[in-house]
PDB file of all heavy atoms in Angstrom:
ATOM      1  N   PHE A   1       0.739   3.593  -0.958  1.00  0.00           N
ATOM      2  CA  PHE A   1      -0.035   3.546  -2.187  1.00  0.00           C
ATOM      3  C   PHE A   1       0.808   4.226  -3.262  1.00  0.00           C
ATOM      4  O   PHE A   1       1.755   4.933  -2.987  1.00  0.00           O
ATOM      5  CB  PHE A   1      -1.374   4.284  -2.029  1.00  0.00           C
ATOM      6  CG  PHE A   1      -2.326   3.581  -1.099  1.00  0.00           C
ATOM      7  CD1 PHE A   1      -2.173   3.634   0.275  1.00  0.00           C
ATOM      8  CD2 PHE A   1      -3.391   2.844  -1.611  1.00  0.00           C
ATOM      9  CE1 PHE A   1      -3.061   2.988   1.140  1.00  0.00           C
ATOM     10  CE2 PHE A   1      -4.275   2.201  -0.756  1.00  0.00           C
ATOM     11  CZ  PHE A   1      -4.102   2.268   0.597  1.00  0.00           C
ATOM     12  N   ARG A   2       0.436   4.001  -4.518  1.00  0.00           N
ATOM     13  CA  ARG A   2       1.152   4.649  -5.602  1.00  0.00           C
ATOM     14  C   ARG A   2       0.169   5.072  -6.680  1.00  0.00           C
ATOM     15  O   ARG A   2      -0.912   4.479  -6.847  1.00  0.00           O
ATOM     16  CB  ARG A   2       2.243   3.788  -6.194  1.00  0.00           C
ATOM     17  CG  ARG A   2       1.751   2.542  -6.909  1.00  0.00           C
ATOM     18  CD  ARG A   2       2.926   1.675  -7.353  1.00  0.00           C
ATOM     19  NE  ARG A   2       2.498   0.516  -8.110  1.00  0.00           N
ATOM     20  CZ  ARG A   2       3.309  -0.447  -8.530  1.00  0.00           C
ATOM     21  NH1 ARG A   2       4.629  -0.353  -8.289  1.00  0.00           N
ATOM     22  NH2 ARG A   2       2.815  -1.457  -9.220  1.00  0.00           N
ATOM     23  N   GLN A   3       0.556   6.093  -7.406  1.00  0.00           N
ATOM     24  CA  GLN A   3      -0.285   6.564  -8.518  1.00  0.00           C
ATOM     25  C   GLN A   3       0.592   6.948  -9.680  1.00  0.00           C
ATOM     26  O   GLN A   3       1.432   7.844  -9.563  1.00  0.00           O
ATOM     27  CB  GLN A   3      -1.137   7.767  -8.077  1.00  0.00           C
ATOM     28  CG  GLN A   3      -2.151   8.174  -9.115  1.00  0.00           C
ATOM     29  CD  GLN A   3      -3.209   9.104  -8.571  1.00  0.00           C
ATOM     30  OE1 GLN A   3      -3.026   9.732  -7.507  1.00  0.00           O
ATOM     31  NE2 GLN A   3      -4.342   9.209  -9.251  1.00  0.00           N
ATOM     32  N   ALA A   4       0.379   6.231 -10.780  1.00  0.00           N
ATOM     33  CA  ALA A   4       1.089   6.538 -12.018  1.00  0.00           C
ATOM     34  C   ALA A   4       0.278   7.528 -12.853  1.00  0.00           C
ATOM     35  O   ALA A   4      -0.934   7.627 -12.682  1.00  0.00           O
ATOM     36  CB  ALA A   4       1.318   5.246 -12.808  1.00  0.00           C
ATOM     37  N   PRO A   5       0.941   8.241 -13.745  1.00  0.00           N
ATOM     38  CA  PRO A   5       0.191   9.239 -14.583  1.00  0.00           C
ATOM     39  C   PRO A   5      -0.970   8.566 -15.318  1.00  0.00           C
ATOM     40  O   PRO A   5      -0.768   7.539 -15.969  1.00  0.00           O
ATOM     41  CB  PRO A   5       1.256   9.739 -15.532  1.00  0.00           C
ATOM     42  CG  PRO A   5       2.546   9.525 -14.814  1.00  0.00           C
ATOM     43  CD  PRO A   5       2.364   8.286 -14.018  1.00  0.00           C
ATOM     44  N   GLY A   6      -2.126   9.180 -15.232  1.00  0.00           N
ATOM     45  CA  GLY A   6      -3.293   8.665 -15.933  1.00  0.00           C
ATOM     46  C   GLY A   6      -3.947   7.461 -15.338  1.00  0.00           C
ATOM     47  O   GLY A   6      -4.870   6.900 -15.916  1.00  0.00           O
ATOM     48  N   LYS A   7      -3.461   7.029 -14.174  1.00  0.00           N
ATOM     49  CA  LYS A   7      -4.005   5.833 -13.534  1.00  0.00           C
ATOM     50  C   LYS A   7      -4.531   6.164 -12.153  1.00  0.00           C
ATOM     51  O   LYS A   7      -4.177   7.200 -11.567  1.00  0.00           O
ATOM     52  CB  LYS A   7      -2.937   4.743 -13.445  1.00  0.00           C
ATOM     53  CG  LYS A   7      -2.476   4.204 -14.810  1.00  0.00           C
ATOM     54  CD  LYS A   7      -1.573   3.012 -14.599  1.00  0.00           C
ATOM     55  CE  LYS A   7      -1.172   2.407 -15.955  1.00  0.00           C
ATOM     56  NZ  LYS A   7      -0.286   1.225 -15.799  1.00  0.00           N
ATOM     57  N   GLU A   8      -5.371   5.281 -11.654  1.00  0.00           N
ATOM     58  CA  GLU A   8      -5.902   5.475 -10.306  1.00  0.00           C
ATOM     59  C   GLU A   8      -4.846   5.100  -9.245  1.00  0.00           C
ATOM     60  O   GLU A   8      -3.934   4.314  -9.507  1.00  0.00           O
ATOM     61  CB  GLU A   8      -7.151   4.626 -10.092  1.00  0.00           C
ATOM     62  CG  GLU A   8      -8.330   5.040 -10.974  1.00  0.00           C
ATOM     63  CD  GLU A   8      -9.601   4.267 -10.621  1.00  0.00           C
ATOM     64  OE1 GLU A   8      -9.513   3.344  -9.802  1.00  0.00           O
ATOM     65  OE2 GLU A   8     -10.641   4.620 -11.175  1.00  0.00           O
ATOM     66  N   ARG A   9      -5.022   5.661  -8.094  1.00  0.00           N
ATOM     67  CA  ARG A   9      -4.140   5.310  -6.964  1.00  0.00           C
ATOM     68  C   ARG A   9      -4.359   3.846  -6.618  1.00  0.00           C
ATOM     69  O   ARG A   9      -5.495   3.383  -6.563  1.00  0.00           O
ATOM     70  CB  ARG A   9      -4.417   6.183  -5.770  1.00  0.00           C
ATOM     71  CG  ARG A   9      -3.442   6.042  -4.640  1.00  0.00           C
ATOM     72  CD  ARG A   9      -3.692   7.126  -3.590  1.00  0.00           C
ATOM     73  NE  ARG A   9      -3.442   8.452  -4.135  1.00  0.00           N
ATOM     74  CZ  ARG A   9      -3.457   9.559  -3.403  1.00  0.00           C
ATOM     75  NH1 ARG A   9      -3.726   9.482  -2.103  1.00  0.00           N
ATOM     76  NH2 ARG A   9      -3.235  10.721  -3.937  1.00  0.00           N
ATOM     77  N   GLU A  10      -3.253   3.117  -6.405  1.00  0.00           N
ATOM     78  CA  GLU A  10      -3.381   1.704  -6.092  1.00  0.00           C
ATOM     79  C   GLU A  10      -2.608   1.339  -4.826  1.00  0.00           C
ATOM     80  O   GLU A  10      -1.585   1.960  -4.498  1.00  0.00           O
ATOM     81  CB  GLU A  10      -2.883   0.821  -7.248  1.00  0.00           C
ATOM     82  CG  GLU A  10      -1.409   0.929  -7.544  1.00  0.00           C
ATOM     83  CD  GLU A  10      -0.928  -0.120  -8.547  1.00  0.00           C
ATOM     84  OE1 GLU A  10      -1.684  -1.088  -8.813  1.00  0.00           O
ATOM     85  OE2 GLU A  10       0.187   0.037  -9.044  1.00  0.00           O
ATOM     86  N   PHE A  11      -3.112   0.339  -4.136  1.00  0.00           N
ATOM     87  CA  PHE A  11      -2.480  -0.160  -2.939  1.00  0.00           C
ATOM     88  C   PHE A  11      -1.182  -0.859  -3.264  1.00  0.00           C
ATOM     89  O   PHE A  11      -1.099  -1.566  -4.258  1.00  0.00           O
ATOM     90  CB  PHE A  11      -3.446  -1.128  -2.243  1.00  0.00           C
ATOM     91  CG  PHE A  11      -2.844  -1.939  -1.103  1.00  0.00           C
ATOM     92  CD1 PHE A  11      -2.517  -1.307   0.086  1.00  0.00           C
ATOM     93  CD2 PHE A  11      -2.586  -3.263  -1.269  1.00  0.00           C
ATOM     94  CE1 PHE A  11      -1.965  -2.020   1.121  1.00  0.00           C
ATOM     95  CE2 PHE A  11      -2.064  -4.004  -0.239  1.00  0.00           C
ATOM     96  CZ  PHE A  11      -1.730  -3.375   0.955  1.00  0.00           C
ATOM     97  N   VAL A  12      -0.168  -0.637  -2.394  1.00  0.00           N
ATOM     98  CA  VAL A  12       1.108  -1.304  -2.552  1.00  0.00           C
ATOM     99  C   VAL A  12       1.381  -2.251  -1.367  1.00  0.00           C
ATOM    100  O   VAL A  12       1.602  -3.425  -1.570  1.00  0.00           O
ATOM    101  CB  VAL A  12       2.253  -0.292  -2.680  1.00  0.00           C
ATOM    102  CG1 VAL A  12       3.582  -1.005  -2.769  1.00  0.00           C
ATOM    103  CG2 VAL A  12       2.037   0.614  -3.887  1.00  0.00           C
ATOM    104  N   ALA A  13       1.339  -1.690  -0.165  1.00  0.00           N
ATOM    105  CA  ALA A  13       1.634  -2.504   1.008  1.00  0.00           C
ATOM    106  C   ALA A  13       1.151  -1.777   2.246  1.00  0.00           C
ATOM    107  O   ALA A  13       0.979  -0.551   2.220  1.00  0.00           O
ATOM    108  CB  ALA A  13       3.138  -2.809   1.129  1.00  0.00           C
ATOM    109  N   ALA A  14       0.957  -2.530   3.344  1.00  0.00           N
ATOM    110  CA  ALA A  14       0.522  -1.921   4.590  1.00  0.00           C
ATOM    111  C   ALA A  14       0.994  -2.763   5.742  1.00  0.00           C
ATOM    112  O   ALA A  14       1.334  -3.946   5.600  1.00  0.00           O
ATOM    113  CB  ALA A  14      -1.003  -1.771   4.621  1.00  0.00           C
ATOM    114  N   VAL A  15       1.016  -2.131   6.918  1.00  0.00           N
ATOM    115  CA  VAL A  15       1.510  -2.796   8.112  1.00  0.00           C
ATOM    116  C   VAL A  15       0.679  -2.372   9.326  1.00  0.00           C
ATOM    117  O   VAL A  15       0.214  -1.224   9.394  1.00  0.00           O
ATOM    118  CB  VAL A  15       3.019  -2.469   8.323  1.00  0.00           C
ATOM    119  CG1 VAL A  15       3.220  -0.970   8.538  1.00  0.00           C
ATOM    120  CG2 VAL A  15       3.599  -3.252   9.492  1.00  0.00           C
ATOM    121  N   ASN A  16       0.509  -3.310  10.278  1.00  0.00           N
ATOM    122  CA  ASN A  16      -0.253  -2.955  11.463  1.00  0.00           C
ATOM    123  C   ASN A  16       0.605  -2.233  12.470  1.00  0.00           C
ATOM    124  O   ASN A  16       1.801  -1.996  12.229  1.00  0.00           O
ATOM    125  CB  ASN A  16      -0.921  -4.195  12.073  1.00  0.00           C
ATOM    126  CG  ASN A  16       0.058  -5.076  12.831  1.00  0.00           C
ATOM    127  OD1 ASN A  16       1.253  -5.063  12.522  1.00  0.00           O
ATOM    128  ND2 ASN A  16      -0.436  -5.812  13.793  1.00  0.00           N
ATOM    129  N   TRP A  17       0.032  -1.902  13.624  1.00  0.00           N
ATOM    130  CA  TRP A  17       0.738  -1.054  14.579  1.00  0.00           C
ATOM    131  C   TRP A  17       1.993  -1.721  15.119  1.00  0.00           C
ATOM    132  O   TRP A  17       2.983  -1.056  15.384  1.00  0.00           O
ATOM    133  CB  TRP A  17      -0.168  -0.701  15.756  1.00  0.00           C
ATOM    134  CG  TRP A  17      -0.522  -1.912  16.608  1.00  0.00           C
ATOM    135  CD1 TRP A  17      -1.525  -2.797  16.441  1.00  0.00           C
ATOM    136  CD2 TRP A  17       0.223  -2.348  17.762  1.00  0.00           C
ATOM    137  NE1 TRP A  17      -1.478  -3.751  17.402  1.00  0.00           N
ATOM    138  CE2 TRP A  17      -0.428  -3.507  18.231  1.00  0.00           C
ATOM    139  CE3 TRP A  17       1.349  -1.870  18.451  1.00  0.00           C
ATOM    140  CZ2 TRP A  17       0.034  -4.205  19.366  1.00  0.00           C
ATOM    141  CZ3 TRP A  17       1.786  -2.546  19.572  1.00  0.00           C
ATOM    142  CH2 TRP A  17       1.119  -3.715  20.020  1.00  0.00           C
ATOM    143  N   SER A  18       1.981  -3.027  15.223  1.00  0.00           N
ATOM    144  CA  SER A  18       3.126  -3.748  15.824  1.00  0.00           C
ATOM    145  C   SER A  18       4.222  -4.066  14.795  1.00  0.00           C
ATOM    146  O   SER A  18       5.333  -4.389  15.169  1.00  0.00           O
ATOM    147  CB  SER A  18       2.675  -5.038  16.466  1.00  0.00           C
ATOM    148  OG  SER A  18       2.240  -5.964  15.491  1.00  0.00           O
ATOM    149  N   GLY A  19       3.846  -4.010  13.540  1.00  0.00           N
ATOM    150  CA  GLY A  19       4.786  -4.416  12.486  1.00  0.00           C
ATOM    151  C   GLY A  19       4.744  -5.900  12.204  1.00  0.00           C
ATOM    152  O   GLY A  19       5.476  -6.359  11.287  1.00  0.00           O
ATOM    153  N   LEU A  20       3.949  -6.641  12.911  1.00  0.00           N
ATOM    154  CA  LEU A  20       3.936  -8.087  12.754  1.00  0.00           C
ATOM    155  C   LEU A  20       2.999  -8.586  11.675  1.00  0.00           C
ATOM    156  O   LEU A  20       3.091  -9.711  11.204  1.00  0.00           O
ATOM    157  CB  LEU A  20       3.573  -8.750  14.108  1.00  0.00           C
ATOM    158  CG  LEU A  20       4.556  -8.513  15.232  1.00  0.00           C
ATOM    159  CD1 LEU A  20       4.086  -9.207  16.512  1.00  0.00           C
ATOM    160  CD2 LEU A  20       5.963  -8.992  14.847  1.00  0.00           C
ATOM    161  N   THR A  21       2.062  -7.734  11.303  1.00  0.00           N
ATOM    162  CA  THR A  21       1.102  -8.098  10.244  1.00  0.00           C
ATOM    163  C   THR A  21       1.289  -7.145   9.046  1.00  0.00           C
ATOM    164  O   THR A  21       1.233  -5.947   9.219  1.00  0.00           O
ATOM    165  CB  THR A  21      -0.338  -8.009  10.752  1.00  0.00           C
ATOM    166  OG1 THR A  21      -0.519  -8.908  11.835  1.00  0.00           O
ATOM    167  CG2 THR A  21      -1.334  -8.353   9.624  1.00  0.00           C
ATOM    168  N   THR A  22       1.529  -7.738   7.906  1.00  0.00           N
ATOM    169  CA  THR A  22       1.720  -6.935   6.718  1.00  0.00           C
ATOM    170  C   THR A  22       0.825  -7.463   5.562  1.00  0.00           C
ATOM    171  O   THR A  22       0.433  -8.640   5.571  1.00  0.00           O
ATOM    172  CB  THR A  22       3.177  -6.952   6.235  1.00  0.00           C
ATOM    173  OG1 THR A  22       3.545  -8.291   5.903  1.00  0.00           O
ATOM    174  CG2 THR A  22       4.097  -6.393   7.310  1.00  0.00           C
ATOM    175  N   TYR A  23       0.535  -6.591   4.652  1.00  0.00           N
ATOM    176  CA  TYR A  23      -0.197  -6.925   3.436  1.00  0.00           C
ATOM    177  C   TYR A  23       0.563  -6.317   2.266  1.00  0.00           C
ATOM    178  O   TYR A  23       1.057  -5.207   2.345  1.00  0.00           O
ATOM    179  CB  TYR A  23      -1.620  -6.343   3.472  1.00  0.00           C
ATOM    180  CG  TYR A  23      -2.468  -6.928   4.594  1.00  0.00           C
ATOM    181  CD1 TYR A  23      -2.456  -6.370   5.860  1.00  0.00           C
ATOM    182  CD2 TYR A  23      -3.287  -8.012   4.377  1.00  0.00           C
ATOM    183  CE1 TYR A  23      -3.235  -6.876   6.880  1.00  0.00           C
ATOM    184  CE2 TYR A  23      -4.068  -8.550   5.396  1.00  0.00           C
ATOM    185  CZ  TYR A  23      -4.044  -7.983   6.640  1.00  0.00           C
ATOM    186  OH  TYR A  23      -4.809  -8.494   7.659  1.00  0.00           O
ATOM    187  N   THR A  24       0.644  -7.062   1.175  1.00  0.00           N
ATOM    188  CA  THR A  24       1.358  -6.622   0.011  1.00  0.00           C
ATOM    189  C   THR A  24       0.565  -6.932  -1.238  1.00  0.00           C
ATOM    190  O   THR A  24       0.020  -8.026  -1.365  1.00  0.00           O
ATOM    191  CB  THR A  24       2.737  -7.285  -0.080  1.00  0.00           C
ATOM    192  OG1 THR A  24       3.454  -7.107   1.164  1.00  0.00           O
ATOM    193  CG2 THR A  24       3.570  -6.716  -1.202  1.00  0.00           C
TER     194      THR A  24
END
């Protein structure tokens, strides 16, 4: 996740336990 000054935290990317499923 990332958070810029003055902004809410936002999702960037994620991965499951095996590494085979990702979200961006």
